[in-house]
Amino acid sequence: MSVAKKDEKPYTLSDEARSVLRFVLNNIWDEIGWDVFNAVEEEGRLDGKKGPITIPRADVIEVTLDAGRPEQKLEEEVRNDARLRQERGAREALTVWKTLSYDQMITEAKKVFTCARYGR
């Protein structure tokens, strides 16, 4: 599927590449999510209410895309594919990811993180 706004280059991802990207973004959230919830708890509840700690989808996406983590993880997947002599779409996903604008990255992340809020 090709996706682009006025000043952005269109791009496509195969099903294999999209699967790798989904795996990578979920893996990043799995690694950092618990720390994010602990930080929110330590800072005090954002809304002042008691109950489960939740954060909005936009925050999940922002911290997941932060500091080049997706690109680093995609590079790891490319190395893993080469080591295991597999072609799972990691190279395509990495190549496309490097060309995306931040808005396009958010668009892709929204396809992975579909809930309005995330909590523990």
N, C-alpha and C. Protein backbone atom coordinates (compact mmCIF):
# COMPACT_ATOMS: atom_id res chain seq x y z
N MET A 1 0.84 -1.17 0.00
CA MET A 1 0.00 0.00 0.00
C MET A 1 0.89 1.24 0.00
N SER A 2 0.62 2.17 -0.85
CA SER A 2 1.40 3.40 -0.96
C SER A 2 0.75 4.47 -0.10
N VAL A 3 1.57 5.14 0.70
CA VAL A 3 1.06 6.16 1.59
C VAL A 3 1.95 7.39 1.48
N ALA A 4 1.36 8.58 1.27
CA ALA A 4 2.17 9.80 1.23
C ALA A 4 1.27 11.02 1.31
N LYS A 5 1.79 12.05 1.98
CA LYS A 5 1.14 13.35 1.99
C LYS A 5 1.77 14.18 0.88
N LYS A 6 1.36 15.40 0.75
CA LYS A 6 1.77 16.25 -0.35
C LYS A 6 3.30 16.30 -0.54
N ASP A 7 4.05 16.56 0.51
CA ASP A 7 5.50 16.73 0.38
C ASP A 7 6.28 15.46 0.73
N GLU A 8 5.61 14.33 0.81
CA GLU A 8 6.27 13.09 1.18
C GLU A 8 6.34 12.15 0.00
N LYS A 9 7.40 11.35 0.00
CA LYS A 9 7.54 10.35 -1.06
C LYS A 9 6.64 9.16 -0.73
N PRO A 10 5.91 8.65 -1.72
CA PRO A 10 5.10 7.45 -1.46
C PRO A 10 6.01 6.25 -1.22
N TYR A 11 5.50 5.30 -0.51
CA TYR A 11 6.27 4.08 -0.23
C TYR A 11 5.32 2.90 -0.18
N THR A 12 5.89 1.73 -0.34
CA THR A 12 5.12 0.50 -0.21
C THR A 12 5.90 -0.46 0.67
N LEU A 13 5.19 -1.32 1.34
CA LEU A 13 5.79 -2.37 2.15
C LEU A 13 5.11 -3.69 1.81
N SER A 14 5.90 -4.71 1.57
CA SER A 14 5.33 -6.04 1.35
C SER A 14 4.75 -6.54 2.66
N ASP A 15 3.96 -7.59 2.58
CA ASP A 15 3.40 -8.19 3.80
C ASP A 15 4.51 -8.66 4.73
N GLU A 16 5.59 -9.20 4.17
CA GLU A 16 6.71 -9.68 4.99
C GLU A 16 7.39 -8.51 5.71
N ALA A 17 7.62 -7.43 4.99
CA ALA A 17 8.26 -6.26 5.60
C ALA A 17 7.37 -5.64 6.67
N ARG A 18 6.07 -5.56 6.38
CA ARG A 18 5.13 -5.01 7.37
C ARG A 18 5.09 -5.89 8.62
N SER A 19 5.19 -7.20 8.44
CA SER A 19 5.21 -8.13 9.57
C SER A 19 6.46 -7.90 10.43
N VAL A 20 7.59 -7.71 9.78
CA VAL A 20 8.83 -7.45 10.51
C VAL A 20 8.72 -6.13 11.26
N LEU A 21 8.18 -5.11 10.62
CA LEU A 21 8.03 -3.81 11.27
C LEU A 21 7.09 -3.91 12.47
N ARG A 22 6.01 -4.64 12.31
CA ARG A 22 5.08 -4.85 13.44
C ARG A 22 5.79 -5.54 14.60
N PHE A 23 6.56 -6.58 14.29
CA PHE A 23 7.31 -7.30 15.31
C PHE A 23 8.27 -6.35 16.03
N VAL A 24 9.00 -5.55 15.27
CA VAL A 24 10.00 -4.65 15.84
C VAL A 24 9.35 -3.61 16.75
N LEU A 25 8.29 -2.96 16.28
CA LEU A 25 7.64 -1.94 17.10
C LEU A 25 7.05 -2.53 18.37
N ASN A 26 6.42 -3.69 18.26
CA ASN A 26 5.89 -4.36 19.45
C ASN A 26 7.00 -4.75 20.41
N ASN A 27 8.10 -5.22 19.86
CA ASN A 27 9.25 -5.62 20.68
C ASN A 27 9.80 -4.43 21.46
N ILE A 28 9.90 -3.29 20.81
CA ILE A 28 10.39 -2.08 21.49
C ILE A 28 9.45 -1.72 22.63
N TRP A 29 8.15 -1.72 22.38
CA TRP A 29 7.20 -1.39 23.45
C TRP A 29 7.28 -2.40 24.58
N ASP A 30 7.43 -3.67 24.24
CA ASP A 30 7.58 -4.69 25.28
C ASP A 30 8.80 -4.42 26.16
N GLU A 31 9.87 -3.93 25.55
CA GLU A 31 11.10 -3.65 26.31
C GLU A 31 10.97 -2.42 27.20
N ILE A 32 10.29 -1.38 26.74
CA ILE A 32 10.29 -0.12 27.48
C ILE A 32 8.98 0.18 28.20
N GLY A 33 7.92 -0.50 27.86
CA GLY A 33 6.60 -0.18 28.41
C GLY A 33 6.54 -0.21 29.92
N TRP A 34 7.10 -1.24 30.52
CA TRP A 34 7.04 -1.36 31.98
C TRP A 34 7.74 -0.17 32.63
N ASP A 35 8.89 0.24 32.08
CA ASP A 35 9.61 1.40 32.61
C ASP A 35 8.79 2.68 32.46
N VAL A 36 8.09 2.81 31.36
CA VAL A 36 7.25 3.98 31.15
C VAL A 36 6.15 4.04 32.21
N PHE A 37 5.50 2.92 32.44
CA PHE A 37 4.43 2.90 33.46
C PHE A 37 5.00 3.17 34.85
N ASN A 38 6.17 2.63 35.16
CA ASN A 38 6.80 2.90 36.46
C ASN A 38 7.11 4.38 36.60
N ALA A 39 7.60 5.02 35.54
CA ALA A 39 7.91 6.45 35.59
C ALA A 39 6.65 7.27 35.82
N VAL A 40 5.57 6.90 35.13
CA VAL A 40 4.31 7.61 35.31
C VAL A 40 3.84 7.46 36.76
N GLU A 41 3.98 6.27 37.30
CA GLU A 41 3.56 6.02 38.68
C GLU A 41 4.40 6.82 39.67
N GLU A 42 5.72 6.86 39.44
CA GLU A 42 6.61 7.59 40.34
C GLU A 42 6.35 9.10 40.29
N GLU A 43 6.00 9.61 39.13
CA GLU A 43 5.74 11.04 38.98
C GLU A 43 4.37 11.43 39.53
N GLY A 44 3.58 10.45 39.87
CA GLY A 44 2.22 10.71 40.31
C GLY A 44 1.27 10.53 39.14
N ARG A 45 0.08 10.22 39.44
CA ARG A 45 -0.89 9.98 38.39
C ARG A 45 -1.12 11.25 37.59
N LEU A 46 -1.11 11.11 36.29
CA LEU A 46 -1.25 12.27 35.41
C LEU A 46 -2.61 12.95 35.57
N ASP A 47 -3.63 12.17 35.81
CA ASP A 47 -4.97 12.76 35.91
C ASP A 47 -5.45 12.91 37.34
N GLY A 48 -4.61 12.55 38.31
CA GLY A 48 -4.98 12.69 39.72
C GLY A 48 -5.98 11.67 40.21
N LYS A 49 -6.38 10.73 39.40
CA LYS A 49 -7.37 9.73 39.78
C LYS A 49 -6.68 8.45 40.20
N LYS A 50 -7.35 7.71 41.03
CA LYS A 50 -6.85 6.39 41.42
C LYS A 50 -7.34 5.36 40.42
N GLY A 51 -6.69 4.25 40.40
CA GLY A 51 -7.08 3.20 39.47
C GLY A 51 -5.90 2.80 38.62
N PRO A 52 -6.18 2.06 37.56
CA PRO A 52 -5.09 1.59 36.70
C PRO A 52 -4.34 2.76 36.05
N ILE A 53 -3.07 2.54 35.85
CA ILE A 53 -2.26 3.53 35.15
C ILE A 53 -2.37 3.27 33.66
N THR A 54 -2.75 4.29 32.92
CA THR A 54 -2.85 4.18 31.47
C THR A 54 -2.18 5.39 30.83
N ILE A 55 -1.75 5.20 29.61
CA ILE A 55 -1.20 6.32 28.84
C ILE A 55 -1.83 6.28 27.45
N PRO A 56 -1.94 7.43 26.81
CA PRO A 56 -2.57 7.47 25.49
C PRO A 56 -1.70 6.85 24.40
N ARG A 57 -2.36 6.42 23.37
CA ARG A 57 -1.71 5.81 22.20
C ARG A 57 -0.59 6.69 21.65
N ALA A 58 -0.83 8.00 21.58
CA ALA A 58 0.19 8.91 21.03
C ALA A 58 1.48 8.84 21.82
N ASP A 59 1.38 8.70 23.15
CA ASP A 59 2.59 8.60 23.98
C ASP A 59 3.31 7.28 23.75
N VAL A 60 2.55 6.20 23.59
CA VAL A 60 3.15 4.90 23.30
C VAL A 60 3.94 4.98 22.00
N ILE A 61 3.34 5.58 21.00
CA ILE A 61 4.00 5.71 19.70
C ILE A 61 5.24 6.59 19.82
N GLU A 62 5.12 7.70 20.52
CA GLU A 62 6.26 8.62 20.65
C GLU A 62 7.46 7.96 21.31
N VAL A 63 7.24 7.26 22.42
CA VAL A 63 8.39 6.65 23.09
C VAL A 63 8.93 5.46 22.30
N THR A 64 8.07 4.79 21.55
CA THR A 64 8.52 3.67 20.73
C THR A 64 9.40 4.15 19.58
N LEU A 65 9.06 5.29 18.99
CA LEU A 65 9.83 5.82 17.87
C LEU A 65 11.05 6.62 18.32
N ASP A 66 11.17 6.89 19.60
CA ASP A 66 12.22 7.74 20.14
C ASP A 66 13.62 7.17 19.92
N ALA A 67 14.56 8.06 19.70
CA ALA A 67 16.00 7.76 19.71
C ALA A 67 16.43 6.72 18.68
N GLY A 68 15.72 6.62 17.59
CA GLY A 68 16.15 5.71 16.53
C GLY A 68 16.04 4.24 16.86
N ARG A 69 15.25 3.90 17.87
CA ARG A 69 15.11 2.49 18.26
C ARG A 69 14.62 1.61 17.11
N PRO A 70 13.60 2.03 16.36
CA PRO A 70 13.13 1.13 15.28
C PRO A 70 14.23 0.81 14.27
N GLU A 71 15.00 1.81 13.89
CA GLU A 71 16.06 1.56 12.92
C GLU A 71 17.10 0.58 13.49
N GLN A 72 17.46 0.77 14.76
CA GLN A 72 18.42 -0.15 15.40
C GLN A 72 17.88 -1.58 15.42
N LYS A 73 16.62 -1.73 15.78
CA LYS A 73 16.01 -3.06 15.84
C LYS A 73 15.89 -3.68 14.45
N LEU A 74 15.56 -2.87 13.47
CA LEU A 74 15.48 -3.39 12.09
C LEU A 74 16.85 -3.84 11.62
N GLU A 75 17.89 -3.10 11.97
CA GLU A 75 19.26 -3.52 11.62
C GLU A 75 19.59 -4.86 12.26
N GLU A 76 19.17 -5.05 13.51
CA GLU A 76 19.36 -6.35 14.18
C GLU A 76 18.64 -7.46 13.43
N GLU A 77 17.41 -7.17 12.98
CA GLU A 77 16.65 -8.17 12.24
C GLU A 77 17.33 -8.53 10.91
N VAL A 78 17.91 -7.54 10.24
CA VAL A 78 18.62 -7.81 9.00
C VAL A 78 19.81 -8.74 9.28
N ARG A 79 20.56 -8.45 10.36
CA ARG A 79 21.69 -9.32 10.73
C ARG A 79 21.21 -10.72 11.08
N ASN A 80 20.10 -10.81 11.81
CA ASN A 80 19.55 -12.13 12.17
C ASN A 80 19.14 -12.90 10.93
N ASP A 81 18.49 -12.20 9.98
CA ASP A 81 18.08 -12.86 8.73
C ASP A 81 19.29 -13.40 7.98
N ALA A 82 20.35 -12.59 7.92
CA ALA A 82 21.56 -13.02 7.21
C ALA A 82 22.19 -14.22 7.91
N ARG A 83 22.24 -14.16 9.23
CA ARG A 83 22.84 -15.26 9.99
C ARG A 83 22.04 -16.55 9.82
N LEU A 84 20.72 -16.42 9.80
CA LEU A 84 19.86 -17.60 9.69
C LEU A 84 19.55 -17.95 8.23
N ARG A 85 20.11 -17.17 7.31
CA ARG A 85 19.90 -17.36 5.88
C ARG A 85 18.41 -17.37 5.52
N GLN A 86 17.71 -16.40 6.10
CA GLN A 86 16.28 -16.25 5.83
C GLN A 86 16.06 -14.93 5.12
N GLU A 87 14.96 -14.82 4.46
CA GLU A 87 14.54 -13.53 3.92
C GLU A 87 13.13 -13.29 4.41
N ARG A 88 13.02 -12.51 5.48
CA ARG A 88 11.72 -12.27 6.09
C ARG A 88 11.23 -10.85 5.87
N GLY A 89 11.89 -10.10 5.04
CA GLY A 89 11.44 -8.73 4.79
C GLY A 89 12.14 -7.69 5.63
N ALA A 90 13.10 -8.09 6.46
CA ALA A 90 13.77 -7.12 7.33
C ALA A 90 14.54 -6.09 6.53
N ARG A 91 15.24 -6.52 5.51
CA ARG A 91 16.04 -5.58 4.70
C ARG A 91 15.11 -4.56 4.02
N GLU A 92 14.01 -5.03 3.48
CA GLU A 92 13.05 -4.11 2.85
C GLU A 92 12.49 -3.14 3.88
N ALA A 93 12.10 -3.66 5.04
CA ALA A 93 11.53 -2.81 6.09
C ALA A 93 12.54 -1.74 6.51
N LEU A 94 13.80 -2.11 6.69
CA LEU A 94 14.84 -1.15 7.07
C LEU A 94 15.05 -0.12 5.98
N THR A 95 15.15 -0.56 4.74
CA THR A 95 15.38 0.36 3.63
C THR A 95 14.25 1.39 3.53
N VAL A 96 13.02 0.93 3.63
CA VAL A 96 11.87 1.84 3.56
C VAL A 96 11.84 2.75 4.78
N TRP A 97 12.06 2.19 5.97
CA TRP A 97 12.00 2.96 7.22
C TRP A 97 12.95 4.16 7.17
N LYS A 98 14.13 3.96 6.62
CA LYS A 98 15.13 5.03 6.55
C LYS A 98 14.67 6.19 5.67
N THR A 99 13.71 5.96 4.78
CA THR A 99 13.24 7.01 3.88
C THR A 99 12.00 7.73 4.39
N LEU A 100 11.38 7.22 5.44
CA LEU A 100 10.11 7.77 5.90
C LEU A 100 10.28 9.07 6.66
N SER A 101 9.32 9.95 6.49
CA SER A 101 9.24 11.14 7.34
C SER A 101 8.72 10.70 8.71
N TYR A 102 8.84 11.58 9.68
CA TYR A 102 8.34 11.23 11.01
C TYR A 102 6.83 10.98 10.97
N ASP A 103 6.11 11.78 10.20
CA ASP A 103 4.66 11.57 10.08
C ASP A 103 4.34 10.20 9.49
N GLN A 104 5.12 9.76 8.51
CA GLN A 104 4.91 8.44 7.92
C GLN A 104 5.23 7.34 8.94
N MET A 105 6.26 7.57 9.76
CA MET A 105 6.58 6.59 10.81
C MET A 105 5.41 6.49 11.79
N ILE A 106 4.83 7.61 12.14
CA ILE A 106 3.67 7.60 13.04
C ILE A 106 2.51 6.85 12.39
N THR A 107 2.30 7.07 11.10
CA THR A 107 1.23 6.36 10.38
C THR A 107 1.44 4.85 10.48
N GLU A 108 2.65 4.40 10.28
CA GLU A 108 2.94 2.96 10.38
C GLU A 108 2.75 2.47 11.82
N ALA A 109 3.20 3.26 12.79
CA ALA A 109 3.06 2.85 14.20
C ALA A 109 1.59 2.77 14.61
N LYS A 110 0.76 3.63 14.05
CA LYS A 110 -0.67 3.59 14.38
C LYS A 110 -1.31 2.29 13.91
N LYS A 111 -0.75 1.68 12.88
CA LYS A 111 -1.26 0.39 12.41
C LYS A 111 -0.90 -0.73 13.37
N VAL A 112 0.12 -0.52 14.18
CA VAL A 112 0.55 -1.51 15.16
C VAL A 112 -0.14 -1.27 16.50
N PHE A 113 -0.15 -0.03 16.93
CA PHE A 113 -0.74 0.34 18.23
C PHE A 113 -2.12 0.91 17.97
N THR A 114 -3.13 0.05 18.05
CA THR A 114 -4.47 0.42 17.63
C THR A 114 -5.40 0.83 18.77
N CYS A 115 -5.01 0.61 20.01
CA CYS A 115 -5.86 0.96 21.14
C CYS A 115 -5.72 2.45 21.46
N ALA A 116 -6.77 3.03 22.02
CA ALA A 116 -6.75 4.46 22.38
C ALA A 116 -5.83 4.72 23.57
N ARG A 117 -5.78 3.76 24.51
CA ARG A 117 -4.93 3.91 25.70
C ARG A 117 -4.30 2.55 25.98
N TYR A 118 -3.15 2.61 26.65
CA TYR A 118 -2.42 1.40 27.03
C TYR A 118 -2.17 1.46 28.53
N GLY A 119 -2.30 0.32 29.19
CA GLY A 119 -2.13 0.31 30.63
C GLY A 119 -1.60 -1.00 31.13
N ARG A 120 -1.32 -1.00 32.40
CA ARG A 120 -0.87 -2.24 33.02
C ARG A 120 -1.78 -2.59 34.15
